[in-house]
Amino acid sequence: MEVDGFKNLLDLSIDFGPFTCIAGENGTGKSNVFDAVQFLSLLADRSMMEAAQEVRGVHGERHGDPRDLFWKGYSPSSYRMRFAAEMIVPGEVEDDFGRVAAPTTSFLRYELEIGYQEPSGLDRFGRLTLLREDLRLIKKGDAKDHLKFPHSAGNFRNAVIIGHRSGAPYISTDNDGGEPIVKIHQDGGSRGQPKPAAASRAPATIVSTITSSDDPTILAARREMESWRRLALEPSALRSADRYMDPQVMGVDGAHLPAALYRVANTAYDGSADPDRVFARVAGRLSDLTGVQVRDLGIDQDEVRQLLTVQVSEADGSHLPARSLSEGTLRFLALCVLLEDPTVRGMICMEEPENGIHPANLNPMVELVQDLAVDAKRAPGIDNPFRQVLINTHSPGVVQLVSPDDLLFADTAMRKTESGVVARSLRLRPLVGTWRTVGGRRDYVTKADILPYLTTPPGAQLTLDLGAA
């Protein structure tokens, strides 16, 4: 992903792997990366103004100022946000009318540029404007240079990158007398004329307007971006029971956890439904937590009130509803349910997953979030869902448990923009000797640079004086 002009992200380029951990102090702007991912996801489903008002950090819920999303160093007449995302889209998608379609190619590069128009008349906040939108294929022969993380060419890359097409784009932008004109090109390439649309008055991106299987590759890009989710698990949502008619997909806040687990346990994704086996795997994960004595787990079905509740059986034989678990254990349970759900794909973003977790349980938590990500040595499938996981942390414990290949270290650096303004922006650097530094990249960190994550703070109490009164 590439981002420029969004909050404190200036000319930032990030190579994600299946699992990526961003580590750094508070206040560097780590969460702004999550905001950028969320903003792109929202833009695939909502108008630009609606998407802007839902991103963290915009003042007010319904009447936010979109200028809050731009870098603060811009003059009012030069607000610009630029994004690029290289993505592998699903090989099969369903349109808004229930029709199944397959994209022509699955490896795509999406580019988007958004500007700002000053308010006029009764308008208080102005509006966002579409300046450029492009969607192009990345050729299969070039895929190795774009997928830089370690992976199996035979089992993984050749399984997820499909299709052939000439160099023609799916979406392109031309300039007609200073007016940007966005064109939609048919999947057949040379067949038919492109469909042009003036961009200046467009309230939404072109991708968000594609609802039918007539443009299957653009639709696949939309579905991929819609699948990017930012988890913000809330104890109140996790503790709620579900009615029989409630959605059976867990929300980003953890709502509908019982209904989601009930669906996963009773659906034959691999040919045969086996609820007991699913419940046993989830209970086994929970029992990895120190202090949690879970023997069994299941779904209680209250036929009178038509409610579904997660029920936990403890080692002493007592039966408790899952809402009796601690907040940290509930969040861990929610991730266990996601792990069991092969329909959850795309990117999952989590901020500081260690929050609410006892230090002794950091290891099983880190193992769980890593296991959520696809194994790039194997072909994606029911037992290896095509998921990408992004977390951030400032915990030395998490950093020490994560593979060096999966780490990016966040800090800020002063840089001069094209207009000559000196600005402080987020910087993400890999550890020397890891895959992101192959090819001569020199903006890396060494172990000496990250000593606070690798050593015990001076003066820390390593032992307890049990003889003290």
Protein backbone atom coordinates (compact mmCIF):
# COMPACT_ATOMS: atom_id res chain seq x y z
CA MET A 1 0.00 0.00 0.00
CA GLU A 2 1.14 3.55 -0.80
CA VAL A 3 -0.26 6.64 0.94
CA ASP A 4 0.56 10.31 0.53
CA GLY A 5 -1.16 13.31 2.13
CA PHE A 6 -3.41 11.34 4.51
CA LYS A 7 -2.96 12.55 8.13
CA ASN A 8 0.80 12.23 8.83
CA LEU A 9 1.41 9.65 6.08
CA LEU A 10 3.59 11.33 3.47
CA ASP A 11 5.01 9.33 0.57
CA LEU A 12 4.66 6.14 2.64
CA SER A 13 5.06 2.76 0.94
CA ILE A 14 4.37 -0.44 2.89
CA ASP A 15 5.07 -4.01 1.82
CA PHE A 16 2.74 -6.22 3.84
CA GLY A 17 3.29 -9.92 4.38
CA PRO A 18 0.59 -12.40 5.38
CA PHE A 19 1.19 -11.22 8.97
CA THR A 20 2.64 -7.80 9.81
CA CYS A 21 3.30 -6.24 13.22
CA ILE A 22 3.95 -2.50 13.44
CA ALA A 23 5.76 -1.61 16.68
CA GLY A 24 6.43 1.87 18.00
CA GLU A 25 5.78 4.42 20.67
CA ASN A 26 2.41 6.09 21.13
CA GLY A 27 1.93 9.23 19.06
CA THR A 28 3.99 8.19 16.03
CA GLY A 29 0.91 7.64 13.86
CA LYS A 30 0.83 3.82 13.77
CA SER A 31 -2.96 3.93 13.90
CA ASN A 32 -3.06 6.18 10.84
CA VAL A 33 -2.05 3.15 8.75
CA PHE A 34 -5.18 1.40 10.06
CA ASP A 35 -7.19 4.54 9.26
CA ALA A 36 -5.92 4.50 5.67
CA VAL A 37 -6.88 0.84 5.23
CA GLN A 38 -10.30 1.52 6.76
CA PHE A 39 -10.83 4.60 4.59
CA LEU A 40 -10.14 2.64 1.38
CA SER A 41 -12.51 -0.09 2.55
CA LEU A 42 -15.26 2.43 3.31
CA LEU A 43 -14.77 4.15 -0.04
CA ALA A 44 -15.62 0.86 -1.75
CA ASP A 45 -19.09 0.90 -0.21
CA ARG A 46 -20.02 4.49 0.68
CA SER A 47 -19.83 8.01 -0.66
CA MET A 48 -16.58 9.85 -0.07
CA MET A 49 -18.13 12.12 2.58
CA GLU A 50 -19.76 9.20 4.40
CA ALA A 51 -16.47 7.31 4.39
CA ALA A 52 -14.61 10.36 5.72
CA GLN A 53 -17.04 10.78 8.61
CA GLU A 54 -16.58 7.18 9.75
CA VAL A 55 -12.80 7.25 9.97
CA ARG A 56 -11.25 7.75 13.39
CA GLY A 57 -10.14 11.29 14.12
CA VAL A 58 -12.78 13.22 12.18
CA HIS A 59 -14.62 15.69 14.42
CA GLY A 60 -18.23 14.64 14.98
CA GLU A 61 -20.01 11.53 13.78
CA ARG A 62 -22.42 12.88 11.19
CA HIS A 63 -20.99 16.28 10.32
CA GLY A 64 -17.22 15.77 10.36
CA ASP A 65 -14.83 18.11 8.61
CA PRO A 66 -13.14 16.13 5.80
CA ARG A 67 -10.08 18.37 6.08
CA ASP A 68 -9.20 16.41 9.24
CA LEU A 69 -8.08 13.56 7.00
CA PHE A 70 -5.51 15.58 5.06
CA TRP A 71 -1.97 16.36 6.13
CA LYS A 72 -2.03 19.59 8.13
CA GLY A 73 0.73 21.25 6.10
CA TYR A 74 -1.39 21.75 3.00
CA SER A 75 -2.71 25.15 2.01
CA PRO A 76 -6.52 25.22 1.56
CA SER A 77 -6.21 25.17 -2.22
CA SER A 78 -3.84 22.20 -2.43
CA TYR A 79 -5.43 19.44 -0.34
CA ARG A 80 -4.56 16.07 -1.91
CA MET A 81 -4.70 12.46 -0.76
CA ARG A 82 -3.17 9.75 -2.90
CA PHE A 83 -3.55 6.01 -2.35
CA ALA A 84 -2.40 2.90 -4.15
CA ALA A 85 -3.15 -0.68 -3.16
CA GLU A 86 -1.90 -3.83 -4.86
CA MET A 87 -4.32 -6.64 -4.11
CA ILE A 88 -5.14 -10.22 -4.97
CA VAL A 89 -8.91 -10.35 -5.44
CA PRO A 90 -11.24 -13.35 -4.97
CA GLY A 91 -11.46 -15.76 -7.88
CA GLU A 92 -15.24 -15.70 -7.63
CA VAL A 93 -17.60 -13.00 -6.36
CA GLU A 94 -21.33 -12.45 -6.08
CA ASP A 95 -22.93 -9.24 -7.30
CA ASP A 96 -25.71 -7.30 -5.57
CA PHE A 97 -28.29 -9.36 -7.48
CA GLY A 98 -26.94 -12.74 -6.36
CA ARG A 99 -25.21 -13.56 -9.64
CA VAL A 100 -21.77 -15.20 -9.47
CA ALA A 101 -18.95 -13.77 -11.57
CA ALA A 102 -15.23 -14.41 -12.03
CA PRO A 103 -12.67 -11.63 -12.60
CA THR A 104 -10.59 -11.70 -15.77
CA THR A 105 -7.41 -11.34 -13.70
CA SER A 106 -6.87 -11.54 -9.95
CA PHE A 107 -3.73 -9.43 -9.25
CA LEU A 108 -4.59 -5.73 -9.48
CA ARG A 109 -3.24 -2.28 -8.67
CA TYR A 110 -5.78 0.32 -7.61
CA GLU A 111 -4.85 4.02 -7.54
CA LEU A 112 -6.97 6.83 -6.15
CA GLU A 113 -6.48 10.58 -5.73
CA ILE A 114 -8.91 12.72 -3.76
CA GLY A 115 -9.00 16.49 -3.41
CA TYR A 116 -11.06 19.02 -1.50
CA GLN A 117 -13.43 21.75 -2.58
CA GLU A 118 -13.93 24.73 -0.30
CA PRO A 119 -17.43 25.28 1.18
CA SER A 120 -19.80 27.70 -0.50
CA GLY A 121 -23.24 29.00 0.38
CA LEU A 122 -24.82 27.08 3.26
CA ASP A 123 -22.20 24.33 3.05
CA ARG A 124 -20.01 24.46 6.18
CA PHE A 125 -17.43 21.76 5.48
CA GLY A 126 -16.89 21.67 1.74
CA ARG A 127 -16.67 18.33 0.02
CA LEU A 128 -14.24 15.71 -1.20
CA THR A 129 -13.63 15.51 -4.94
CA LEU A 130 -12.49 12.62 -7.11
CA LEU A 131 -9.36 13.61 -9.04
CA ARG A 132 -8.13 10.30 -10.37
CA GLU A 133 -9.07 6.62 -10.19
CA ASP A 134 -7.30 3.77 -11.95
CA LEU A 135 -7.49 -0.02 -11.78
CA ARG A 136 -4.93 -2.04 -13.74
CA LEU A 137 -3.72 -5.61 -13.80
CA ILE A 138 -0.35 -6.78 -12.55
CA LYS A 139 0.89 -9.41 -14.97
CA LYS A 140 1.47 -12.90 -13.69
CA GLY A 141 5.06 -12.77 -14.90
CA ASP A 142 5.68 -9.68 -12.74
CA ALA A 143 4.02 -11.09 -9.62
CA LYS A 144 7.25 -12.34 -8.06
CA ASP A 145 8.64 -8.80 -7.98
CA HIS A 146 5.50 -7.52 -6.21
CA LEU A 147 4.95 -10.37 -3.74
CA LYS A 148 8.27 -9.97 -1.95
CA PHE A 149 7.44 -11.92 1.19
CA PRO A 150 8.58 -15.58 1.40
CA HIS A 151 6.02 -17.82 -0.28
CA SER A 152 5.66 -20.94 -2.37
CA ALA A 153 5.46 -20.21 -6.08
CA GLY A 154 3.77 -23.52 -6.87
CA ASN A 155 1.40 -23.85 -3.94
CA PHE A 156 0.58 -20.21 -3.25
CA ARG A 157 1.43 -17.73 -6.03
CA ASN A 158 0.23 -19.88 -8.92
CA ALA A 159 -2.93 -20.74 -7.01
CA VAL A 160 -4.07 -17.17 -6.29
CA ILE A 161 -2.86 -15.28 -9.39
CA ILE A 162 -5.04 -16.23 -12.31
CA GLY A 163 -6.20 -14.92 -15.68
CA HIS A 164 -4.71 -13.16 -18.68
CA ARG A 165 -5.40 -9.81 -20.30
CA SER A 166 -3.67 -7.27 -22.53
CA GLY A 167 -2.26 -4.16 -20.90
CA ALA A 168 -5.62 -2.35 -21.04
CA PRO A 169 -6.83 -0.98 -17.68
CA TYR A 170 -10.20 -1.70 -16.09
CA ILE A 171 -10.56 1.91 -14.88
CA SER A 172 -8.56 4.85 -16.23
CA THR A 173 -8.61 8.64 -15.91
CA ASP A 174 -8.02 11.14 -18.71
CA ASN A 175 -7.85 14.91 -18.58
CA ASP A 176 -10.22 16.79 -20.86
CA GLY A 177 -9.50 20.52 -20.70
CA GLY A 178 -8.62 20.38 -17.03
CA GLU A 179 -11.59 18.17 -16.21
CA PRO A 180 -10.78 14.60 -15.05
CA ILE A 181 -12.81 12.01 -16.96
CA VAL A 182 -12.92 8.51 -15.47
CA LYS A 183 -13.51 5.65 -17.90
CA ILE A 184 -14.69 2.10 -17.23
CA HIS A 185 -13.25 -0.45 -19.67
CA GLN A 186 -14.96 -3.75 -20.30
CA ASP A 187 -13.34 -6.96 -19.08
CA GLY A 188 -12.98 -8.11 -22.67
CA GLY A 189 -10.36 -5.42 -23.24
CA SER A 190 -10.83 -4.31 -26.82
CA ARG A 191 -14.53 -5.17 -27.06
CA GLY A 192 -16.89 -2.23 -26.72
CA GLN A 193 -16.28 1.41 -25.99
CA PRO A 194 -15.18 2.62 -22.54
CA LYS A 195 -17.88 4.26 -20.45
CA PRO A 196 -16.75 7.79 -19.47
CA ALA A 197 -17.93 9.83 -16.48
CA ALA A 198 -16.97 13.30 -15.29
CA ALA A 199 -15.16 12.96 -11.97
CA SER A 200 -15.51 16.46 -10.54
CA ARG A 201 -19.10 16.08 -9.32
CA ALA A 202 -18.91 12.39 -8.47
CA PRO A 203 -19.97 11.82 -4.83
CA ALA A 204 -18.31 8.39 -4.70
CA THR A 205 -15.55 6.34 -6.30
CA ILE A 206 -16.24 4.42 -9.49
CA VAL A 207 -15.45 1.13 -7.74
CA SER A 208 -18.24 1.73 -5.21
CA THR A 209 -20.81 2.13 -8.00
CA ILE A 210 -20.19 -1.28 -9.59
CA THR A 211 -22.98 -3.55 -8.38
CA SER A 212 -23.48 -6.11 -11.16
CA SER A 213 -21.51 -8.91 -12.79
CA ASP A 214 -21.19 -6.90 -16.03
CA ASP A 215 -17.79 -5.64 -14.78
CA PRO A 216 -16.57 -8.67 -12.81
CA THR A 217 -12.97 -7.57 -12.21
CA ILE A 218 -13.94 -4.15 -10.84
CA LEU A 219 -16.61 -5.89 -8.74
CA ALA A 220 -13.97 -8.29 -7.40
CA ALA A 221 -11.77 -5.33 -6.42
CA ARG A 222 -14.74 -3.78 -4.63
CA ARG A 223 -15.49 -7.00 -2.75
CA GLU A 224 -11.85 -7.35 -1.76
CA MET A 225 -11.69 -3.83 -0.31
CA GLU A 226 -15.04 -4.30 1.44
CA SER A 227 -13.54 -7.33 3.21
CA TRP A 228 -10.83 -5.26 4.90
CA ARG A 229 -11.94 -4.87 8.51
CA ARG A 230 -10.66 -3.07 11.56
CA LEU A 231 -11.49 -5.04 14.68
CA ALA A 232 -12.46 -3.01 17.74
CA LEU A 233 -13.81 -5.74 20.01
CA GLU A 234 -16.09 -4.30 22.71
CA PRO A 235 -16.88 -6.24 25.91
CA SER A 236 -20.55 -5.22 25.86
CA ALA A 237 -20.97 -6.53 22.31
CA LEU A 238 -19.05 -9.74 23.07
CA ARG A 239 -21.22 -10.46 26.10
CA SER A 240 -24.54 -10.10 24.26
CA ALA A 241 -26.71 -13.12 23.44
CA ASP A 242 -28.11 -13.46 19.91
CA ARG A 243 -31.67 -13.94 18.78
CA TYR A 244 -32.32 -16.71 16.30
CA MET A 245 -32.93 -14.14 13.56
CA ASP A 246 -29.78 -12.07 14.20
CA PRO A 247 -26.95 -11.96 11.62
CA GLN A 248 -24.62 -14.95 11.78
CA VAL A 249 -21.49 -12.99 10.94
CA MET A 250 -19.46 -11.47 13.78
CA GLY A 251 -19.25 -7.69 13.63
CA VAL A 252 -16.04 -5.71 13.97
CA ASP A 253 -17.05 -4.94 17.59
CA GLY A 254 -17.61 -8.62 18.39
CA ALA A 255 -21.40 -8.50 18.12
CA HIS A 256 -23.13 -11.75 17.11
CA LEU A 257 -20.34 -13.92 18.46
CA PRO A 258 -22.76 -16.73 19.54
CA ALA A 259 -24.60 -16.76 16.19
CA ALA A 260 -21.30 -16.78 14.25
CA LEU A 261 -19.93 -19.69 16.28
CA TYR A 262 -23.23 -21.58 15.89
CA ARG A 263 -23.08 -21.16 12.10
CA VAL A 264 -19.44 -22.16 11.82
CA ALA A 265 -19.92 -25.22 14.01
CA ASN A 266 -22.98 -26.44 12.08
CA THR A 267 -21.85 -25.74 8.50
CA ALA A 268 -20.15 -28.45 6.46
CA TYR A 269 -17.37 -26.30 4.98
CA ASP A 270 -15.11 -29.32 4.48
CA GLY A 271 -17.84 -31.77 3.53
CA SER A 272 -19.20 -32.80 6.92
CA ALA A 273 -20.47 -30.67 9.79
CA ASP A 274 -18.99 -31.63 13.15
CA PRO A 275 -20.00 -29.12 15.88
CA ASP A 276 -18.27 -31.06 18.66
CA ARG A 277 -14.93 -30.92 16.84
CA VAL A 278 -15.22 -27.13 16.32
CA PHE A 279 -16.22 -26.53 19.94
CA ALA A 280 -13.34 -28.72 21.12
CA ARG A 281 -10.79 -26.73 19.08
CA VAL A 282 -12.08 -23.42 20.46
CA ALA A 283 -12.09 -24.79 24.03
CA GLY A 284 -8.57 -26.12 23.53
CA ARG A 285 -7.34 -22.67 22.47
CA LEU A 286 -9.02 -21.03 25.47
CA SER A 287 -7.42 -23.54 27.83
CA ASP A 288 -4.01 -22.36 26.58
CA LEU A 289 -4.59 -19.19 28.61
CA THR A 290 -3.10 -19.22 32.09
CA GLY A 291 -5.86 -18.93 34.69
CA VAL A 292 -8.65 -20.10 32.35
CA GLN A 293 -9.93 -23.56 33.28
CA VAL A 294 -12.14 -24.42 30.30
CA ARG A 295 -13.05 -28.08 29.84
CA ASP A 296 -15.72 -27.72 27.20
CA LEU A 297 -17.65 -25.10 25.25
CA GLY A 298 -20.88 -25.00 23.28
CA ILE A 299 -23.95 -23.00 22.25
CA ASP A 300 -26.98 -22.94 24.55
CA GLN A 301 -30.23 -22.68 22.58
CA ASP A 302 -33.06 -21.14 24.57
CA GLU A 303 -36.15 -22.19 22.62
CA VAL A 304 -38.50 -20.15 24.80
CA ARG A 305 -36.73 -16.81 24.37
CA GLN A 306 -35.15 -17.88 21.06
CA LEU A 307 -31.67 -16.90 22.17
CA LEU A 308 -28.21 -18.29 21.44
CA THR A 309 -25.57 -18.03 24.18
CA VAL A 310 -21.99 -19.31 24.34
CA GLN A 311 -21.78 -21.68 27.32
CA VAL A 312 -18.49 -22.60 29.00
CA SER A 313 -17.89 -25.70 31.13
CA GLU A 314 -15.06 -25.31 33.62
CA ALA A 315 -12.75 -28.00 34.95
CA ASP A 316 -14.70 -28.22 38.25
CA GLY A 317 -17.89 -29.10 36.37
CA SER A 318 -19.60 -25.72 36.65
CA HIS A 319 -21.39 -24.25 33.61
CA LEU A 320 -21.17 -20.53 32.92
CA PRO A 321 -22.25 -18.23 30.10
CA ALA A 322 -19.28 -16.80 28.19
CA ARG A 323 -20.26 -13.31 29.37
CA SER A 324 -18.82 -14.31 32.76
CA LEU A 325 -15.32 -14.46 31.26
CA SER A 326 -12.89 -11.56 31.62
CA GLU A 327 -12.66 -8.93 28.88
CA GLY A 328 -9.28 -10.21 27.69
CA THR A 329 -10.53 -13.81 27.56
CA LEU A 330 -13.63 -12.73 25.64
CA ARG A 331 -11.48 -10.98 23.03
CA PHE A 332 -9.36 -14.12 22.77
CA LEU A 333 -12.55 -16.17 22.29
CA ALA A 334 -13.69 -13.86 19.49
CA LEU A 335 -10.39 -14.37 17.64
CA CYS A 336 -10.75 -18.13 18.11
CA VAL A 337 -14.13 -17.96 16.38
CA LEU A 338 -12.63 -15.94 13.50
CA LEU A 339 -9.91 -18.58 13.19
CA GLU A 340 -12.58 -21.26 12.74
CA ASP A 341 -14.55 -19.27 10.14
CA PRO A 342 -13.26 -19.92 6.59
CA THR A 343 -15.62 -17.28 5.16
CA VAL A 344 -13.62 -14.51 6.87
CA ARG A 345 -11.00 -13.36 4.39
CA GLY A 346 -9.26 -10.15 3.36
CA MET A 347 -7.27 -7.97 5.73
CA ILE A 348 -7.90 -7.98 9.48
CA CYS A 349 -6.48 -5.01 11.41
CA MET A 350 -6.10 -5.15 15.19
CA GLU A 351 -4.70 -2.50 17.49
CA GLU A 352 -2.72 -3.71 20.49
CA PRO A 353 -4.22 -7.21 20.76
CA GLU A 354 -2.30 -7.65 24.01
CA ASN A 355 -4.60 -5.22 25.85
CA GLY A 356 -6.44 -6.95 28.69
CA ILE A 357 -4.22 -10.03 28.40
CA HIS A 358 -2.09 -11.18 31.36
CA PRO A 359 1.64 -11.08 30.49
CA ALA A 360 1.78 -14.85 30.94
CA ASN A 361 -0.72 -15.18 28.08
CA LEU A 362 1.14 -13.08 25.52
CA ASN A 363 2.52 -16.18 23.82
CA PRO A 364 -0.85 -17.84 23.06
CA MET A 365 -2.27 -14.45 21.96
CA VAL A 366 0.57 -13.82 19.50
CA GLU A 367 0.33 -17.39 18.21
CA LEU A 368 -3.41 -16.94 17.67
CA VAL A 369 -3.16 -13.72 15.64
CA GLN A 370 -0.36 -15.25 13.58
CA ASP A 371 -2.44 -18.36 12.91
CA LEU A 372 -5.26 -16.16 11.59
CA ALA A 373 -3.07 -15.24 8.61
CA VAL A 374 -2.78 -17.41 5.51
CA ASP A 375 0.17 -19.80 5.36
CA ALA A 376 1.95 -18.69 2.16
CA LYS A 377 3.74 -22.01 1.86
CA ARG A 378 0.40 -23.77 1.19
CA ALA A 379 -2.46 -23.27 -1.22
CA PRO A 380 -5.32 -21.21 0.25
CA GLY A 381 -8.51 -23.15 0.96
CA ILE A 382 -11.00 -24.12 3.64
CA ASP A 383 -8.21 -25.17 6.02
CA ASN A 384 -6.00 -22.21 5.04
CA PRO A 385 -8.29 -19.17 4.53
CA PHE A 386 -6.89 -16.35 2.40
CA ARG A 387 -6.45 -13.81 5.19
CA GLN A 388 -3.91 -11.08 5.89
CA VAL A 389 -3.38 -9.80 9.44
CA LEU A 390 -2.02 -6.40 10.51
CA ILE A 391 -1.47 -5.52 14.17
CA ASN A 392 0.27 -2.70 15.99
CA THR A 393 1.82 -2.70 19.42
CA HIS A 394 4.15 -0.89 21.79
CA SER A 395 4.69 -3.99 23.92
CA PRO A 396 8.29 -5.29 24.12
CA GLY A 397 6.81 -8.71 24.95
CA VAL A 398 4.93 -8.89 21.65
CA VAL A 399 7.95 -7.68 19.67
CA GLN A 400 10.13 -10.40 21.17
CA LEU A 401 7.59 -13.10 20.26
CA VAL A 402 7.04 -12.01 16.65
CA SER A 403 9.36 -13.18 13.87
CA PRO A 404 11.84 -10.45 12.77
CA ASP A 405 10.53 -10.92 9.19
CA ASP A 406 7.08 -9.75 10.29
CA LEU A 407 8.15 -6.56 12.10
CA LEU A 408 8.05 -2.93 11.03
CA PHE A 409 9.27 -0.27 13.46
CA ALA A 410 7.45 3.04 13.58
CA ASP A 411 8.89 6.44 14.38
CA THR A 412 8.65 9.91 12.87
CA ALA A 413 11.10 11.76 10.69
CA MET A 414 11.34 15.29 9.32
CA ARG A 415 11.07 15.55 5.56
CA LYS A 416 10.71 18.34 3.02
CA THR A 417 7.65 18.23 0.80
CA GLU A 418 7.49 19.29 -2.86
CA SER A 419 6.29 22.73 -1.77
CA GLY A 420 9.35 23.17 0.45
CA VAL A 421 7.49 22.73 3.75
CA VAL A 422 9.33 20.65 6.35
CA ALA A 423 6.97 18.13 7.94
CA ARG A 424 7.12 15.35 10.51
CA SER A 425 5.70 12.14 9.09
CA LEU A 426 5.40 8.48 9.98
CA ARG A 427 8.31 6.24 9.04
CA LEU A 428 8.11 2.42 8.97
CA ARG A 429 11.38 0.53 8.84
CA PRO A 430 12.14 -3.21 8.71
CA LEU A 431 14.83 -5.02 10.64
CA VAL A 432 18.12 -5.45 8.80
CA GLY A 433 18.52 -8.83 7.11
CA THR A 434 14.82 -9.47 6.64
CA TRP A 435 12.96 -9.87 3.32
CA ARG A 436 11.97 -6.20 3.11
CA THR A 437 15.65 -5.18 2.93
CA VAL A 438 16.50 -7.49 0.02
CA GLY A 439 17.42 -5.46 -3.05
CA GLY A 440 19.45 -2.74 -1.35
CA ARG A 441 16.85 -0.98 0.81
CA ARG A 442 18.83 1.03 3.35
CA ASP A 443 16.17 2.57 5.60
CA TYR A 444 16.28 -0.29 8.08
CA VAL A 445 16.84 -0.65 11.81
CA THR A 446 19.37 -2.79 13.63
CA LYS A 447 19.05 -4.54 16.96
CA ALA A 448 20.95 -1.65 18.52
CA ASP A 449 18.17 0.70 17.36
CA ILE A 450 15.46 -1.33 19.08
CA LEU A 451 17.11 -2.09 22.42
CA PRO A 452 14.06 -0.85 24.40
CA TYR A 453 12.14 -3.80 22.93
CA LEU A 454 14.86 -6.35 23.64
CA THR A 455 16.15 -5.49 27.10
CA THR A 456 14.68 -5.05 30.56
CA PRO A 457 14.23 -1.39 31.57
CA PRO A 458 16.86 -0.11 34.04
CA GLY A 459 15.69 -0.48 37.63
CA ALA A 460 13.02 -3.06 36.82
CA GLN A 461 12.31 -5.49 39.66
CA LEU A 462 13.20 -8.96 38.40
CA THR A 463 12.77 -10.81 41.68
CA LEU A 464 10.53 -10.36 44.71
CA ASP A 465 12.02 -9.97 48.16
CA LEU A 466 9.82 -12.48 49.94
CA GLY A 467 11.58 -11.88 53.23
CA ALA A 468 10.41 -8.28 53.46
CA ALA A 469 7.78 -7.53 56.05
